[in-house]
């Protein structure tokens, strides 16, 4: 992660040469000049080392090792951490012992503590804050992956130099008193089974310590963005003791901050300190990826996950073709003289080919500077007419075969998402106002899921994280990490999809879809239509064709999300809420939504051809009735 803006060299030099804030006193050969910071775990001092003839920083644990075993454990972990070499870990000059107090020494020339910097400067801008925390996470992730934890991440353990480079210091200085008994147990056992148990305890302890480090990093991110300490407590360890699972306090980024905090960054910060443990970032890499994604999307080159996605579009394509596509296209070639609508029904069944045809046609229009009268193409009928049947064949042959680079679980998740998107398209056709082309409505609904499809295909792990964060109690799946724990553990309320996407990727899924649409040459009007209406936004009366298409597709997608991700009464309540939201705009009722779902399911079962149902005047039909007679699709002029 790039270094952030930093104060002038003279300012840092002045901080480094600041007069002592506490009377000088001796600590072995060192002269302690100034207290740089203290917490429940460590104390950091500015000191003069006569042996080196220069200032150094000394970190001492606040709790003295109780005996030789504890001291040996502390020394072993400190030496292990000192051997790590990483740009964001401060090199250790010495590990020593004075009057039974162990200590760690680093060079003062590495920079000043972040606490010192904040005393002399106003609150940093969000970009600068994210740059600092990101660099700290780089070092933290490397340490965790090397089997070391910090155990006391505080402002006085972050050092910033004149170039804005941030280093972690005090790694393992606080020790891990919870591991002493495990160390005794491991040192006294010789049986393989007992040793294996001891090793397992050690792995679990390291994982818990790593999660605690990441939470502490999130608290520092919160403090820097909010301009104040969380819970009015500067010690991250004491804050951790007051929030779940140890306490009941809530750490949430306030709306009043020294600098405006963008929604995506706010979602990341709030997830990092979430009230429920399972919603937090569980390792440094996941938090780092989210911050890096947000930081890079702020740059002029629009980097981060969007740039990575666009690069993958060029190398592996947007989606893989469904099995049997080649045979289907050859059959369509033989249908060339038949009605185009029959071909379109077949083409729409393959989502990858549908998107590829739209991409090719609209990219060609962009290259030709979109001559007068040639706006974006949004029907496969027009695409086939422009490309010709041989062009359709070439497009199909250029697609990757299913499942492409996806693993088997990722392919299953992708298939499930495609089924939902297809169902939503048919729901939108059933809900569309009179006079609107059913194919256009279907494709707008599909394109409103473009970001979700792209993330599921190219970033399946991140897509799974987003799904887990949006899981709600009573949903089809839960966010529990350990099934054995889930039976008696209350599930946290799900985050909104936008907040979860911000928290995982640093960017909204709709923005991912819009970036792909821009890349394909789809115009601004279409980019506006393919953004779903936010769930918290009030739905007003329709204002023109663009607005009607956008709202119809949004309503359909919300309906399918409700019936797919929720169960029983929760799904019914969600449908009632959707009917109320869109009643004025689309003139729909709850019964209309249920009928649209049944109609869409019938269409799916009928291979994409709409089904006309027989109605009985004597008795009203139940909400979801069996399929009726099939009728061929009517094409729009």
Foldseek 3Di string as FASTA:
>chain_A
DDFDDDDAQVVQVCLLPPFAPDDWDDFDQKIFRHWQDDFQQWTKTWIAHVVVRAIKIKIWTPDQQPDPLQVVQLVVQVVLLLPDDDQQAFHWPDWDATPSIIMTIGHPQLTAFQSSVCVVDPQDDLLNLLNQLLLALVVQQVQLVSVFFQQFDASRQWGAHNSRHIHGPNTSNSPDVVCSVLSVQCVPDDDPVSVVVSVVVSVVVSLVRQQLRLLLSLQSSLCSFAVAHFVNDRGSVVVVCCAPPNHPDAGARDCDGPYHDDLLRSLQSRQCRDRDSLSHDSHSVQSSLLSQLQSQCPDPVNDRPLVVLVVVCVVQNQAAWEPPVLVLLVVVVVCQVPDVQVVQLSQVVTVRLLVLLQLVVLLVCVVVVNPPPRARDQAVSVSCVVQPSVSSNVSNVPGHHPPGPDDPVLSVVLVVVVVLLLLLLLLLLLLADPPDFSSNLSRLLNLLCSLVNRCSNPPVVLNVQLVQQQAAVQWPDHNDPDVVPPPPDDGDGHDDSQSSCSNRNVGGSLVSSLSVCVVSNHDPLSSVLSHADDPVDADDAADDDSSSSSPSSNLSSQLSCLVRTHDDPSSLVSLQVSCVRCCRHRVDHSLSSLVSSLQSVLCVVVSNFTADADADPVDGDPSHDDTHHTDGDDGDD
